[in-house]
Amino acid sequence: MYTLITDVLTVTALFISWLLYVIKMSVCYDVNIFVVCVYSLHFY
């Protein structure tokens, strides 16, 4: 049971990080502020 909960948390964490990455990429693409994108990506 414990491993199942850990797996769910891991998958959820991966999904959230992927979602944030996609949102950041689409925002960078739409707004086209290249310097800000590179600057923000540098710290993540």
PDB file of N, CA and C in Angstrom:
ATOM      1  N   MET A   1       0.830  -1.204   0.000  1.00  0.00           N
ATOM      2  CA  MET A   1       0.000   0.000   0.000  1.00  0.00           C
ATOM      3  C   MET A   1       0.864   1.253   0.000  1.00  0.00           C
ATOM      4  N   TYR A   2       1.935   1.198   0.801  1.00  0.00           N
ATOM      5  CA  TYR A   2       2.828   2.361   0.893  1.00  0.00           C
ATOM      6  C   TYR A   2       3.481   2.671  -0.452  1.00  0.00           C
ATOM      7  N   THR A   3       3.909   1.622  -1.171  1.00  0.00           N
ATOM      8  CA  THR A   3       4.568   1.823  -2.465  1.00  0.00           C
ATOM      9  C   THR A   3       3.594   2.404  -3.480  1.00  0.00           C
ATOM     10  N   LEU A   4       2.332   2.009  -3.377  1.00  0.00           N
ATOM     11  CA  LEU A   4       1.313   2.523  -4.295  1.00  0.00           C
ATOM     12  C   LEU A   4       1.145   4.027  -4.108  1.00  0.00           C
ATOM     13  N   ILE A   5       1.090   4.469  -2.853  1.00  0.00           N
ATOM     14  CA  ILE A   5       0.950   5.895  -2.552  1.00  0.00           C
ATOM     15  C   ILE A   5       2.172   6.656  -3.058  1.00  0.00           C
ATOM     16  N   THR A   6       3.349   6.081  -2.849  1.00  0.00           N
ATOM     17  CA  THR A   6       4.591   6.715  -3.312  1.00  0.00           C
ATOM     18  C   THR A   6       4.604   6.849  -4.828  1.00  0.00           C
ATOM     19  N   ASP A   7       4.153   5.807  -5.515  1.00  0.00           N
ATOM     20  CA  ASP A   7       4.093   5.837  -6.978  1.00  0.00           C
ATOM     21  C   ASP A   7       3.150   6.924  -7.460  1.00  0.00           C
ATOM     22  N   VAL A   8       1.993   7.029  -6.815  1.00  0.00           N
ATOM     23  CA  VAL A   8       1.015   8.048  -7.197  1.00  0.00           C
ATOM     24  C   VAL A   8       1.596   9.439  -6.995  1.00  0.00           C
ATOM     25  N   LEU A   9       2.276   9.648  -5.882  1.00  0.00           N
ATOM     26  CA  LEU A   9       2.893  10.947  -5.600  1.00  0.00           C
ATOM     27  C   LEU A   9       3.969  11.274  -6.624  1.00  0.00           C
ATOM     28  N   THR A  10       4.763  10.259  -6.986  1.00  0.00           N
ATOM     29  CA  THR A  10       5.826  10.458  -7.972  1.00  0.00           C
ATOM     30  C   THR A  10       5.254  10.831  -9.329  1.00  0.00           C
ATOM     31  N   VAL A  11       4.229  10.105  -9.749  1.00  0.00           N
ATOM     32  CA  VAL A  11       3.583  10.383 -11.041  1.00  0.00           C
ATOM     33  C   VAL A  11       2.951  11.768 -11.037  1.00  0.00           C
ATOM     34  N   THR A  12       2.313  12.116  -9.926  1.00  0.00           N
ATOM     35  CA  THR A  12       1.682  13.428  -9.797  1.00  0.00           C
ATOM     36  C   THR A  12       2.733  14.532  -9.877  1.00  0.00           C
ATOM     37  N   ALA A  13       3.841  14.347  -9.177  1.00  0.00           N
ATOM     38  CA  ALA A  13       4.918  15.333  -9.191  1.00  0.00           C
ATOM     39  C   ALA A  13       5.498  15.496 -10.592  1.00  0.00           C
ATOM     40  N   LEU A  14       5.694  14.375 -11.290  1.00  0.00           N
ATOM     41  CA  LEU A  14       6.208  14.421 -12.652  1.00  0.00           C
ATOM     42  C   LEU A  14       5.241  15.131 -13.586  1.00  0.00           C
ATOM     43  N   PHE A  15       3.951  14.840 -13.406  1.00  0.00           N
ATOM     44  CA  PHE A  15       2.933  15.452 -14.252  1.00  0.00           C
ATOM     45  C   PHE A  15       2.869  16.957 -14.031  1.00  0.00           C
ATOM     46  N   ILE A  16       2.947  17.381 -12.759  1.00  0.00           N
ATOM     47  CA  ILE A  16       2.892  18.807 -12.443  1.00  0.00           C
ATOM     48  C   ILE A  16       4.102  19.528 -13.028  1.00  0.00           C
ATOM     49  N   SER A  17       5.285  18.947 -12.873  1.00  0.00           N
ATOM     50  CA  SER A  17       6.492  19.572 -13.407  1.00  0.00           C
ATOM     51  C   SER A  17       6.440  19.644 -14.934  1.00  0.00           C
ATOM     52  N   TRP A  18       5.911  18.587 -15.568  1.00  0.00           N
ATOM     53  CA  TRP A  18       5.752  18.587 -17.025  1.00  0.00           C
ATOM     54  C   TRP A  18       4.763  19.652 -17.458  1.00  0.00           C
ATOM     55  N   LEU A  19       3.670  19.769 -16.688  1.00  0.00           N
ATOM     56  CA  LEU A  19       2.640  20.754 -16.992  1.00  0.00           C
ATOM     57  C   LEU A  19       3.199  22.168 -16.888  1.00  0.00           C
ATOM     58  N   LEU A  20       3.961  22.432 -15.833  1.00  0.00           N
ATOM     59  CA  LEU A  20       4.583  23.743 -15.656  1.00  0.00           C
ATOM     60  C   LEU A  20       5.553  24.034 -16.794  1.00  0.00           C
ATOM     61  N   TYR A  21       6.301  23.007 -17.216  1.00  0.00           N
ATOM     62  CA  TYR A  21       7.239  23.162 -18.323  1.00  0.00           C
ATOM     63  C   TYR A  21       6.512  23.525 -19.614  1.00  0.00           C
ATOM     64  N   VAL A  22       5.414  22.814 -19.889  1.00  0.00           N
ATOM     65  CA  VAL A  22       4.630  23.075 -21.099  1.00  0.00           C
ATOM     66  C   VAL A  22       4.032  24.482 -21.070  1.00  0.00           C
ATOM     67  N   ILE A  23       3.493  24.865 -19.916  1.00  0.00           N
ATOM     68  CA  ILE A  23       2.917  26.205 -19.780  1.00  0.00           C
ATOM     69  C   ILE A  23       3.995  27.265 -20.000  1.00  0.00           C
ATOM     70  N   LYS A  24       5.160  27.053 -19.409  1.00  0.00           N
ATOM     71  CA  LYS A  24       6.253  28.011 -19.551  1.00  0.00           C
ATOM     72  C   LYS A  24       6.702  28.109 -21.002  1.00  0.00           C
ATOM     73  N   MET A  25       6.796  26.962 -21.682  1.00  0.00           N
ATOM     74  CA  MET A  25       7.202  26.946 -23.081  1.00  0.00           C
ATOM     75  C   MET A  25       6.181  27.667 -23.969  1.00  0.00           C
ATOM     76  N   SER A  26       4.889  27.403 -23.744  1.00  0.00           N
ATOM     77  CA  SER A  26       3.855  28.014 -24.568  1.00  0.00           C
ATOM     78  C   SER A  26       3.786  29.515 -24.329  1.00  0.00           C
ATOM     79  N   VAL A  27       3.967  29.932 -23.082  1.00  0.00           N
ATOM     80  CA  VAL A  27       3.984  31.363 -22.768  1.00  0.00           C
ATOM     81  C   VAL A  27       5.174  32.025 -23.456  1.00  0.00           C
ATOM     82  N   CYS A  28       6.330  31.378 -23.378  1.00  0.00           N
ATOM     83  CA  CYS A  28       7.530  31.905 -24.027  1.00  0.00           C
ATOM     84  C   CYS A  28       7.312  32.012 -25.533  1.00  0.00           C
ATOM     85  N   TYR A  29       6.652  31.005 -26.092  1.00  0.00           N
ATOM     86  CA  TYR A  29       6.427  30.994 -27.532  1.00  0.00           C
ATOM     87  C   TYR A  29       5.430  32.073 -27.929  1.00  0.00           C
ATOM     88  N   ASP A  30       4.357  32.205 -27.175  1.00  0.00           N
ATOM     89  CA  ASP A  30       3.309  33.168 -27.512  1.00  0.00           C
ATOM     90  C   ASP A  30       3.801  34.608 -27.348  1.00  0.00           C
ATOM     91  N   VAL A  31       4.395  34.879 -26.195  1.00  0.00           N
ATOM     92  CA  VAL A  31       4.825  36.247 -25.904  1.00  0.00           C
ATOM     93  C   VAL A  31       6.134  36.572 -26.628  1.00  0.00           C
ATOM     94  N   ASN A  32       6.941  35.524 -26.844  1.00  0.00           N
ATOM     95  CA  ASN A  32       8.191  35.667 -27.589  1.00  0.00           C
ATOM     96  C   ASN A  32       9.181  36.596 -26.893  1.00  0.00           C
ATOM     97  N   ILE A  33       9.279  36.451 -25.567  1.00  0.00           N
ATOM     98  CA  ILE A  33      10.294  37.203 -24.814  1.00  0.00           C
ATOM     99  C   ILE A  33      11.458  36.243 -24.569  1.00  0.00           C
ATOM    100  N   PHE A  34      12.310  36.140 -25.543  1.00  0.00           N
ATOM    101  CA  PHE A  34      13.367  35.133 -25.535  1.00  0.00           C
ATOM    102  C   PHE A  34      14.314  35.273 -24.339  1.00  0.00           C
ATOM    103  N   VAL A  35      14.705  36.498 -24.040  1.00  0.00           N
ATOM    104  CA  VAL A  35      15.661  36.745 -22.957  1.00  0.00           C
ATOM    105  C   VAL A  35      15.077  36.315 -21.615  1.00  0.00           C
ATOM    106  N   VAL A  36      13.812  36.651 -21.393  1.00  0.00           N
ATOM    107  CA  VAL A  36      13.152  36.284 -20.142  1.00  0.00           C
ATOM    108  C   VAL A  36      13.030  34.767 -20.023  1.00  0.00           C
ATOM    109  N   CYS A  37      12.734  34.111 -21.129  1.00  0.00           N
ATOM    110  CA  CYS A  37      12.615  32.656 -21.130  1.00  0.00           C
ATOM    111  C   CYS A  37      13.943  32.000 -20.780  1.00  0.00           C
ATOM    112  N   VAL A  38      14.989  32.423 -21.410  1.00  0.00           N
ATOM    113  CA  VAL A  38      16.315  31.869 -21.141  1.00  0.00           C
ATOM    114  C   VAL A  38      16.710  32.156 -19.693  1.00  0.00           C
ATOM    115  N   TYR A  39      16.389  33.353 -19.225  1.00  0.00           N
ATOM    116  CA  TYR A  39      16.716  33.745 -17.859  1.00  0.00           C
ATOM    117  C   TYR A  39      15.978  32.881 -16.839  1.00  0.00           C
ATOM    118  N   SER A  40      14.673  32.646 -17.088  1.00  0.00           N
ATOM    119  CA  SER A  40      13.883  31.852 -16.151  1.00  0.00           C
ATOM    120  C   SER A  40      14.266  30.377 -16.211  1.00  0.00           C
ATOM    121  N   LEU A  41      14.529  29.866 -17.413  1.00  0.00           N
ATOM    122  CA  LEU A  41      14.903  28.460 -17.573  1.00  0.00           C
ATOM    123  C   LEU A  41      16.258  28.176 -16.928  1.00  0.00           C
ATOM    124  N   HIS A  42      17.112  29.189 -16.863  1.00  0.00           N
ATOM    125  CA  HIS A  42      18.438  29.017 -16.298  1.00  0.00           C
ATOM    126  C   HIS A  42      18.380  28.638 -14.819  1.00  0.00           C
ATOM    127  N   PHE A  43      17.318  29.064 -14.139  1.00  0.00           N
ATOM    128  CA  PHE A  43      17.215  28.827 -12.701  1.00  0.00           C
ATOM    129  C   PHE A  43      16.331  27.644 -12.341  1.00  0.00           C
ATOM    130  N   TYR A  44      15.879  26.870 -13.361  1.00  0.00           N
ATOM    131  CA  TYR A  44      15.046  25.706 -13.057  1.00  0.00           C
ATOM    132  C   TYR A  44      15.677  24.418 -13.539  1.00  0.00           C
TER     133      TYR A  44
END
